[in-house]
């Protein structure tokens, strides 16, 4: 059974359409399409995705927008970069609150201690354990960077 997050996205799309917010409606339609693609890929089209799986789709979409914005900025297209960042901001509303770097570092330190990790060779094990605990509350690249710094 689909979770409350999908219903929230549907409700927000209707509100945006009724309110004439074409930009937000376009972003949410794209998100719904991405969720539908994932449902089809996982073979759960009728049942729908759970909230955690939808959050992963949203996180991927936010990451895509941020990467696109960086590329646009590198190529002198500030206007297009701004649109990508606006889209990322709208999509981020559907993610759990992001952990601060300090909160993330505390979790990393705990996992390193628990797993007995002591060298960069243990990075994958630590990153996997941290990502399993924090889910979409932290960006994977940030997790990897902090784990690498801590283990060196």
N, C-alpha and C. Protein backbone atom coordinates (compact mmCIF):
# COMPACT_ATOMS: atom_id res chain seq x y z
N UNK A 1 0.85 -1.19 0.00
CA UNK A 1 0.00 0.00 0.00
C UNK A 1 0.89 1.24 0.00
N UNK A 2 0.58 2.17 -0.85
CA UNK A 2 1.35 3.39 -0.95
C UNK A 2 1.26 4.18 0.35
N UNK A 3 2.32 4.92 0.63
CA UNK A 3 2.38 5.65 1.88
C UNK A 3 1.78 7.04 1.80
N UNK A 4 1.84 7.70 2.91
CA UNK A 4 1.27 9.05 3.04
C UNK A 4 2.04 10.06 2.20
N UNK A 5 3.32 9.81 1.94
CA UNK A 5 4.12 10.75 1.17
C UNK A 5 3.59 10.90 -0.25
N UNK A 6 3.17 9.80 -0.85
CA UNK A 6 2.62 9.87 -2.20
C UNK A 6 1.32 10.68 -2.20
N UNK A 7 0.51 10.48 -1.19
CA UNK A 7 -0.74 11.25 -1.07
C UNK A 7 -0.45 12.73 -0.87
N UNK A 8 0.59 13.03 -0.11
CA UNK A 8 0.97 14.43 0.12
C UNK A 8 1.41 15.08 -1.20
N UNK A 9 2.20 14.36 -1.98
CA UNK A 9 2.65 14.88 -3.27
C UNK A 9 1.45 15.14 -4.18
N UNK A 10 0.51 14.18 -4.23
CA UNK A 10 -0.70 14.35 -5.04
C UNK A 10 -1.49 15.58 -4.59
N UNK A 11 -1.66 15.72 -3.28
CA UNK A 11 -2.40 16.86 -2.73
C UNK A 11 -1.73 18.19 -3.05
N UNK A 12 -0.39 18.21 -2.93
CA UNK A 12 0.35 19.44 -3.23
C UNK A 12 0.28 19.78 -4.72
N UNK A 13 0.25 18.75 -5.57
CA UNK A 13 0.12 18.98 -7.01
C UNK A 13 -1.24 19.62 -7.30
N UNK A 14 -2.29 19.09 -6.71
CA UNK A 14 -3.63 19.66 -6.92
C UNK A 14 -3.69 21.10 -6.44
N UNK A 15 -3.09 21.36 -5.28
CA UNK A 15 -3.07 22.72 -4.74
C UNK A 15 -2.32 23.66 -5.68
N UNK A 16 -1.18 23.20 -6.21
CA UNK A 16 -0.39 24.04 -7.12
C UNK A 16 -1.18 24.33 -8.40
N UNK A 17 -1.87 23.31 -8.91
CA UNK A 17 -2.67 23.50 -10.13
C UNK A 17 -3.81 24.48 -9.88
N UNK A 18 -4.51 24.30 -8.78
CA UNK A 18 -5.63 25.19 -8.46
C UNK A 18 -5.16 26.61 -8.16
N UNK A 19 -3.97 26.72 -7.58
CA UNK A 19 -3.43 28.03 -7.24
C UNK A 19 -2.70 28.71 -8.39
N UNK A 20 -2.58 28.02 -9.51
CA UNK A 20 -1.92 28.62 -10.67
C UNK A 20 -0.40 28.63 -10.60
N UNK A 21 0.18 27.83 -9.70
CA UNK A 21 1.64 27.76 -9.58
C UNK A 21 2.16 26.73 -10.59
N UNK A 22 2.35 27.18 -11.82
CA UNK A 22 2.72 26.27 -12.90
C UNK A 22 4.10 25.64 -12.69
N UNK A 23 5.03 26.41 -12.15
CA UNK A 23 6.39 25.89 -11.93
C UNK A 23 6.37 24.72 -10.96
N UNK A 24 5.71 24.91 -9.81
CA UNK A 24 5.65 23.84 -8.80
C UNK A 24 4.88 22.64 -9.35
N UNK A 25 3.81 22.90 -10.09
CA UNK A 25 3.03 21.81 -10.68
C UNK A 25 3.89 20.99 -11.63
N UNK A 26 4.71 21.67 -12.42
CA UNK A 26 5.59 20.99 -13.36
C UNK A 26 6.60 20.11 -12.62
N UNK A 27 7.18 20.65 -11.56
CA UNK A 27 8.16 19.90 -10.76
C UNK A 27 7.50 18.66 -10.14
N UNK A 28 6.30 18.84 -9.58
CA UNK A 28 5.62 17.71 -8.93
C UNK A 28 5.16 16.67 -9.94
N UNK A 29 4.78 17.10 -11.14
CA UNK A 29 4.43 16.13 -12.19
C UNK A 29 5.66 15.29 -12.53
N UNK A 30 6.80 15.95 -12.63
CA UNK A 30 8.05 15.22 -12.91
C UNK A 30 8.37 14.23 -11.80
N UNK A 31 8.14 14.64 -10.57
CA UNK A 31 8.39 13.75 -9.43
C UNK A 31 7.44 12.55 -9.48
N UNK A 32 6.17 12.82 -9.77
CA UNK A 32 5.20 11.71 -9.87
C UNK A 32 5.62 10.72 -10.96
N UNK A 33 6.13 11.25 -12.06
CA UNK A 33 6.60 10.38 -13.15
C UNK A 33 7.78 9.54 -12.71
N UNK A 34 8.70 10.15 -11.97
CA UNK A 34 9.87 9.41 -11.47
C UNK A 34 9.44 8.32 -10.49
N UNK A 35 8.45 8.62 -9.64
CA UNK A 35 7.93 7.63 -8.69
C UNK A 35 7.26 6.49 -9.46
N UNK A 36 6.46 6.84 -10.46
CA UNK A 36 5.79 5.83 -11.28
C UNK A 36 6.82 4.93 -11.97
N UNK A 37 7.87 5.52 -12.52
CA UNK A 37 8.92 4.73 -13.17
C UNK A 37 9.54 3.73 -12.19
N UNK A 38 9.76 4.17 -10.96
CA UNK A 38 10.34 3.29 -9.95
C UNK A 38 9.36 2.19 -9.55
N UNK A 39 8.08 2.54 -9.46
CA UNK A 39 7.06 1.53 -9.14
C UNK A 39 7.03 0.45 -10.21
N UNK A 40 7.09 0.87 -11.46
CA UNK A 40 7.08 -0.09 -12.57
C UNK A 40 8.35 -0.94 -12.53
N UNK A 41 9.49 -0.29 -12.31
CA UNK A 41 10.77 -1.01 -12.27
C UNK A 41 10.79 -2.06 -11.16
N UNK A 42 10.16 -1.75 -10.02
CA UNK A 42 10.13 -2.69 -8.90
C UNK A 42 8.95 -3.65 -8.96
N UNK A 43 8.09 -3.47 -9.95
CA UNK A 43 6.94 -4.36 -10.09
C UNK A 43 5.88 -4.15 -9.02
N UNK A 44 5.76 -2.93 -8.52
CA UNK A 44 4.76 -2.64 -7.48
C UNK A 44 3.83 -1.52 -7.93
N UNK A 45 3.54 -1.48 -9.22
CA UNK A 45 2.71 -0.42 -9.79
C UNK A 45 1.36 -0.31 -9.09
N UNK A 46 0.71 -1.43 -8.85
CA UNK A 46 -0.62 -1.39 -8.22
C UNK A 46 -0.55 -1.06 -6.74
N UNK A 47 0.41 -1.65 -6.03
CA UNK A 47 0.52 -1.45 -4.59
C UNK A 47 1.15 -0.09 -4.26
N UNK A 48 2.07 0.35 -5.08
CA UNK A 48 2.76 1.62 -4.83
C UNK A 48 3.97 1.43 -3.95
N UNK A 49 4.82 2.44 -3.94
CA UNK A 49 6.04 2.40 -3.13
C UNK A 49 5.77 2.86 -1.70
N UNK A 50 6.55 2.34 -0.79
CA UNK A 50 6.51 2.81 0.59
C UNK A 50 7.17 4.19 0.66
N UNK A 51 6.92 4.91 1.73
CA UNK A 51 7.48 6.26 1.88
C UNK A 51 9.01 6.27 1.78
N UNK A 52 9.67 5.30 2.39
CA UNK A 52 11.14 5.27 2.36
C UNK A 52 11.66 5.15 0.93
N UNK A 53 10.99 4.35 0.10
CA UNK A 53 11.40 4.20 -1.29
C UNK A 53 11.13 5.49 -2.08
N UNK A 54 10.03 6.15 -1.77
CA UNK A 54 9.72 7.43 -2.44
C UNK A 54 10.76 8.47 -2.04
N UNK A 55 11.18 8.47 -0.78
CA UNK A 55 12.21 9.40 -0.33
C UNK A 55 13.51 9.18 -1.11
N UNK A 56 13.82 7.92 -1.41
CA UNK A 56 15.03 7.64 -2.19
C UNK A 56 14.90 8.20 -3.60
N UNK A 57 13.72 8.09 -4.20
CA UNK A 57 13.48 8.66 -5.53
C UNK A 57 13.64 10.18 -5.46
N UNK A 58 13.06 10.79 -4.44
CA UNK A 58 13.15 12.25 -4.27
C UNK A 58 14.61 12.66 -4.11
N UNK A 59 15.36 11.93 -3.29
CA UNK A 59 16.78 12.25 -3.06
C UNK A 59 17.56 12.20 -4.38
N UNK A 60 17.28 11.20 -5.22
CA UNK A 60 17.95 11.10 -6.53
C UNK A 60 17.61 12.30 -7.40
N UNK A 61 16.34 12.69 -7.38
CA UNK A 61 15.89 13.83 -8.19
C UNK A 61 16.54 15.13 -7.71
N UNK A 62 16.65 15.31 -6.39
CA UNK A 62 17.30 16.50 -5.84
C UNK A 62 18.77 16.52 -6.27
N UNK A 63 19.42 15.37 -6.17
CA UNK A 63 20.83 15.27 -6.56
C UNK A 63 21.01 15.63 -8.03
N UNK A 64 20.12 15.14 -8.89
CA UNK A 64 20.19 15.47 -10.32
C UNK A 64 20.09 16.97 -10.53
N UNK A 65 19.15 17.62 -9.83
CA UNK A 65 18.95 19.06 -10.00
C UNK A 65 20.18 19.83 -9.55
N UNK A 66 20.76 19.43 -8.42
CA UNK A 66 21.95 20.12 -7.92
C UNK A 66 23.14 19.95 -8.85
N UNK A 67 23.30 18.74 -9.40
CA UNK A 67 24.39 18.50 -10.36
C UNK A 67 24.18 19.33 -11.63
N UNK A 68 22.95 19.39 -12.10
CA UNK A 68 22.64 20.19 -13.29
C UNK A 68 22.91 21.67 -13.03
N UNK A 69 22.54 22.15 -11.86
CA UNK A 69 22.77 23.55 -11.51
C UNK A 69 24.26 23.88 -11.54
N UNK A 70 25.08 22.97 -11.00
CA UNK A 70 26.53 23.19 -11.01
C UNK A 70 27.06 23.26 -12.44
N UNK A 71 26.58 22.36 -13.29
CA UNK A 71 27.02 22.37 -14.69
C UNK A 71 26.60 23.65 -15.40
N UNK A 72 25.37 24.08 -15.16
CA UNK A 72 24.90 25.33 -15.75
C UNK A 72 25.76 26.50 -15.29
N UNK A 73 26.09 26.55 -14.01
CA UNK A 73 26.91 27.65 -13.49
C UNK A 73 28.30 27.63 -14.11
N UNK A 74 28.87 26.44 -14.27
CA UNK A 74 30.20 26.33 -14.88
C UNK A 74 30.20 26.83 -16.33
N UNK A 75 29.04 26.74 -16.97
CA UNK A 75 28.92 27.15 -18.36
C UNK A 75 28.27 28.53 -18.52
N UNK A 76 28.22 29.29 -17.42
CA UNK A 76 27.73 30.66 -17.48
C UNK A 76 26.23 30.80 -17.68
N UNK A 77 25.47 29.81 -17.27
CA UNK A 77 24.01 29.86 -17.43
C UNK A 77 23.35 29.99 -16.06
N UNK A 78 23.54 31.14 -15.43
CA UNK A 78 23.02 31.37 -14.08
C UNK A 78 21.50 31.25 -14.02
N UNK A 79 20.81 31.66 -15.09
CA UNK A 79 19.34 31.58 -15.11
C UNK A 79 18.86 30.14 -15.03
N UNK A 80 19.47 29.27 -15.81
CA UNK A 80 19.08 27.86 -15.79
C UNK A 80 19.48 27.20 -14.47
N UNK A 81 20.62 27.60 -13.93
CA UNK A 81 21.07 27.06 -12.65
C UNK A 81 20.08 27.43 -11.55
N UNK A 82 19.58 28.66 -11.60
CA UNK A 82 18.62 29.11 -10.59
C UNK A 82 17.33 28.28 -10.65
N UNK A 83 16.86 27.98 -11.86
CA UNK A 83 15.66 27.15 -12.01
C UNK A 83 15.89 25.75 -11.41
N UNK A 84 17.06 25.18 -11.68
CA UNK A 84 17.37 23.85 -11.14
C UNK A 84 17.38 23.88 -9.61
N UNK A 85 17.94 24.93 -9.04
CA UNK A 85 18.00 25.05 -7.58
C UNK A 85 16.60 25.24 -6.99
N UNK A 86 15.74 25.98 -7.70
CA UNK A 86 14.35 26.14 -7.25
C UNK A 86 13.64 24.79 -7.25
N UNK A 87 13.88 24.00 -8.31
CA UNK A 87 13.27 22.67 -8.37
C UNK A 87 13.77 21.81 -7.21
N UNK A 88 15.07 21.85 -6.96
CA UNK A 88 15.65 21.06 -5.86
C UNK A 88 15.05 21.47 -4.53
N UNK A 89 14.80 22.76 -4.35
CA UNK A 89 14.21 23.25 -3.10
C UNK A 89 12.80 22.71 -2.92
N UNK A 90 12.02 22.71 -3.99
CA UNK A 90 10.65 22.18 -3.92
C UNK A 90 10.69 20.69 -3.58
N UNK A 91 11.56 19.95 -4.26
CA UNK A 91 11.66 18.51 -4.02
C UNK A 91 12.16 18.19 -2.61
N UNK A 92 13.05 19.02 -2.09
CA UNK A 92 13.63 18.78 -0.76
C UNK A 92 12.57 18.82 0.34
N UNK A 93 11.44 19.47 0.06
CA UNK A 93 10.36 19.52 1.04
C UNK A 93 9.82 18.12 1.36
N UNK A 94 10.09 17.16 0.49
CA UNK A 94 9.56 15.80 0.66
C UNK A 94 10.61 14.86 1.26
N UNK A 95 11.73 15.41 1.70
CA UNK A 95 12.76 14.62 2.36
C UNK A 95 12.74 14.90 3.85
N UNK A 96 13.21 13.95 4.65
CA UNK A 96 13.31 14.24 6.09
C UNK A 96 14.34 15.35 6.30
N UNK A 97 14.29 15.99 7.45
CA UNK A 97 15.27 17.03 7.77
C UNK A 97 16.67 16.45 7.62
N UNK A 98 17.55 17.22 7.00
CA UNK A 98 18.91 16.75 6.78
C UNK A 98 19.74 16.90 8.05
N UNK A 99 20.58 15.90 8.30
CA UNK A 99 21.45 15.94 9.47
C UNK A 99 22.53 16.99 9.27
N UNK A 100 22.93 17.63 10.34
CA UNK A 100 24.06 18.56 10.26
C UNK A 100 25.33 17.74 10.12
N UNK A 101 26.40 18.39 9.70
CA UNK A 101 27.67 17.68 9.55
C UNK A 101 28.13 17.14 10.91
N UNK A 102 27.88 17.89 11.97
CA UNK A 102 28.27 17.45 13.32
C UNK A 102 27.48 16.20 13.73
N UNK A 103 26.16 16.20 13.49
CA UNK A 103 25.34 15.03 13.83
C UNK A 103 25.79 13.82 13.03
N UNK A 104 26.10 14.05 11.77
CA UNK A 104 26.56 12.97 10.90
C UNK A 104 27.90 12.43 11.38
N UNK A 105 28.79 13.33 11.77
CA UNK A 105 30.11 12.92 12.26
C UNK A 105 29.98 12.06 13.51
N UNK A 106 29.04 12.38 14.39
CA UNK A 106 28.82 11.58 15.61
C UNK A 106 28.37 10.17 15.25
N UNK A 107 27.49 10.06 14.26
CA UNK A 107 27.03 8.73 13.82
C UNK A 107 28.19 7.96 13.20
N UNK A 108 29.00 8.64 12.40
CA UNK A 108 30.16 7.99 11.77
C UNK A 108 31.12 7.49 12.84
N UNK A 109 31.42 8.33 13.82
CA UNK A 109 32.33 7.92 14.89
C UNK A 109 31.80 6.70 15.63
N UNK A 110 30.49 6.68 15.87
CA UNK A 110 29.88 5.55 16.57
C UNK A 110 30.01 4.27 15.73
N UNK A 111 29.75 4.37 14.41
CA UNK A 111 29.84 3.19 13.54
C UNK A 111 31.27 2.69 13.43
N UNK A 112 32.23 3.60 13.36
CA UNK A 112 33.64 3.20 13.29
C UNK A 112 34.01 2.42 14.55
N UNK A 113 33.56 2.92 15.70
CA UNK A 113 33.84 2.25 16.98
C UNK A 113 33.16 0.89 17.03
N UNK A 114 31.88 0.84 16.65
CA UNK A 114 31.11 -0.40 16.68
C UNK A 114 31.69 -1.47 15.75
N UNK A 115 32.10 -1.03 14.56
CA UNK A 115 32.61 -1.97 13.55
C UNK A 115 34.09 -2.27 13.74
N UNK A 116 34.76 -1.52 14.60
CA UNK A 116 36.20 -1.72 14.80
C UNK A 116 37.00 -1.31 13.58
N UNK A 117 36.49 -0.35 12.82
CA UNK A 117 37.18 0.11 11.61
C UNK A 117 38.38 0.96 12.01
N UNK A 118 39.48 0.77 11.26
CA UNK A 118 40.68 1.51 11.64
C UNK A 118 41.46 2.06 10.45
N UNK A 119 41.09 1.68 9.24
CA UNK A 119 41.86 2.12 8.08
C UNK A 119 40.93 2.43 6.90
N UNK A 120 41.47 3.11 5.89
CA UNK A 120 40.65 3.40 4.70
C UNK A 120 40.10 2.14 4.02
N UNK A 121 40.68 1.00 4.29
CA UNK A 121 40.18 -0.25 3.72
C UNK A 121 38.79 -0.59 4.26
N UNK A 122 38.44 -0.04 5.41
CA UNK A 122 37.15 -0.29 6.04
C UNK A 122 36.07 0.71 5.61
N UNK A 123 36.42 1.62 4.70
CA UNK A 123 35.50 2.68 4.30
C UNK A 123 34.14 2.18 3.84
N UNK A 124 34.13 1.21 2.95
CA UNK A 124 32.87 0.71 2.39
C UNK A 124 31.94 0.18 3.46
N UNK A 125 32.52 -0.56 4.41
CA UNK A 125 31.74 -1.14 5.49
C UNK A 125 31.11 -0.04 6.35
N UNK A 126 31.89 0.99 6.66
CA UNK A 126 31.41 2.08 7.51
C UNK A 126 30.35 2.90 6.76
N UNK A 127 30.63 3.23 5.50
CA UNK A 127 29.68 4.01 4.70
C UNK A 127 28.34 3.28 4.61
N UNK A 128 28.39 1.98 4.34
CA UNK A 128 27.16 1.18 4.25
C UNK A 128 26.36 1.21 5.54
N UNK A 129 27.05 1.08 6.67
CA UNK A 129 26.37 1.08 7.97
C UNK A 129 25.76 2.45 8.27
N UNK A 130 26.48 3.51 7.95
CA UNK A 130 25.98 4.87 8.20
C UNK A 130 24.77 5.14 7.32
N UNK A 131 24.88 4.81 6.03
CA UNK A 131 23.77 5.07 5.11
C UNK A 131 22.53 4.26 5.50
N UNK A 132 22.74 3.04 6.00
CA UNK A 132 21.60 2.23 6.45
C UNK A 132 20.89 2.89 7.62
N UNK A 133 21.64 3.57 8.48
CA UNK A 133 21.02 4.22 9.64
C UNK A 133 20.37 5.55 9.29
N UNK A 134 21.03 6.36 8.46
CA UNK A 134 20.52 7.72 8.22
C UNK A 134 19.59 7.82 7.02
N UNK A 135 19.62 6.85 6.12
CA UNK A 135 18.74 6.87 4.95
C UNK A 135 18.93 8.13 4.13
N UNK A 136 17.85 8.82 3.85
CA UNK A 136 17.91 10.02 3.01
C UNK A 136 18.12 11.30 3.83
N UNK A 137 18.42 11.16 5.10
CA UNK A 137 18.65 12.34 5.95
C UNK A 137 20.05 12.90 5.77
N UNK A 138 20.86 12.25 4.92
CA UNK A 138 22.20 12.75 4.62
C UNK A 138 22.56 12.34 3.20
N UNK A 139 23.27 13.21 2.51
CA UNK A 139 23.72 12.94 1.15
C UNK A 139 24.85 11.91 1.18
N UNK A 140 24.78 10.93 0.29
CA UNK A 140 25.77 9.86 0.25
C UNK A 140 27.19 10.37 0.04
N UNK A 141 27.35 11.40 -0.80
CA UNK A 141 28.69 11.94 -1.06
C UNK A 141 29.27 12.57 0.21
N UNK A 142 28.44 13.23 0.98
CA UNK A 142 28.90 13.83 2.23
C UNK A 142 29.30 12.75 3.22
N UNK A 143 28.50 11.69 3.30
CA UNK A 143 28.83 10.56 4.18
C UNK A 143 30.19 9.99 3.79
N UNK A 144 30.38 9.73 2.50
CA UNK A 144 31.64 9.15 2.02
C UNK A 144 32.83 10.05 2.34
N UNK A 145 32.66 11.35 2.11
CA UNK A 145 33.75 12.30 2.37
C UNK A 145 34.12 12.32 3.84
N UNK A 146 33.13 12.37 4.73
CA UNK A 146 33.41 12.42 6.17
C UNK A 146 34.05 11.11 6.67
N UNK A 147 33.56 9.97 6.16
CA UNK A 147 34.14 8.69 6.56
C UNK A 147 35.60 8.61 6.11
N UNK A 148 35.85 9.05 4.89
CA UNK A 148 37.22 9.03 4.35
C UNK A 148 38.15 9.90 5.20
N UNK A 149 37.70 11.10 5.54
CA UNK A 149 38.51 12.00 6.37
C UNK A 149 38.77 11.39 7.74
N UNK A 150 37.76 10.76 8.31
CA UNK A 150 37.89 10.21 9.66
C UNK A 150 38.83 9.01 9.68
N UNK A 151 38.80 8.19 8.65
CA UNK A 151 39.62 6.98 8.65
C UNK A 151 41.06 7.21 8.18
N UNK A 152 41.35 8.40 7.69
CA UNK A 152 42.73 8.65 7.24
C UNK A 152 43.61 9.17 8.35
